[in-house]
Amino acid sequence: MRTSASAEPARIPFDGRLTVDRAVELRKAFENALRRSPLIEVDLRGVTEIDVTFVQLMLEAQHELKAAGGDLTLCPDYPEAVGKVLRDAGLCEHAGLCLGSGKPCAWTGGGQ
C-alpha cells in the first residue's frame, strides 16, 4: 500500500440499497479500494437505503486504513436519510465518522 502522503484517494461510488443482500459485493468494493490506495472516499449520493451490514463494512475498512496510516472519508451531498442513519447509530460521536458537516471529528484529528 502506498503512503497516504503520495496517494490519490480511491473513490467508491455506491448506489441503491446498501443492505445485507449485497454484502459480498460491498465487501469486494471496499477490498478493491483498500488495494488501490490508503485513502478512500465513499460516495453515497446515489444511495437509497443502508443497514448495519454496510456500516460494519465501512467501519472495518476505516479500521484497516487507520492501522496502515490511511483514512476514509465520506463525500458530501449524500441523502439526508443516509446521514440520519449514520448519526442515529452514533458514528460521528463514537466512531468519529465525519459526515461532511465541516466539523472536526476523530477521523480527521479533531473531536466532537
Foldseek 3Di string as FASTA:
>chain_A
DDAQVPADAAEDEDAEEAEPVCLVVLLVSLVVRVVRHLEYEYEQQRYDYYDVSNVVSVLVSQVVSVVVNGAYAYDANHDVVVVVVCVVVVCCQPVVHDHPPPDGTVRNPDHD
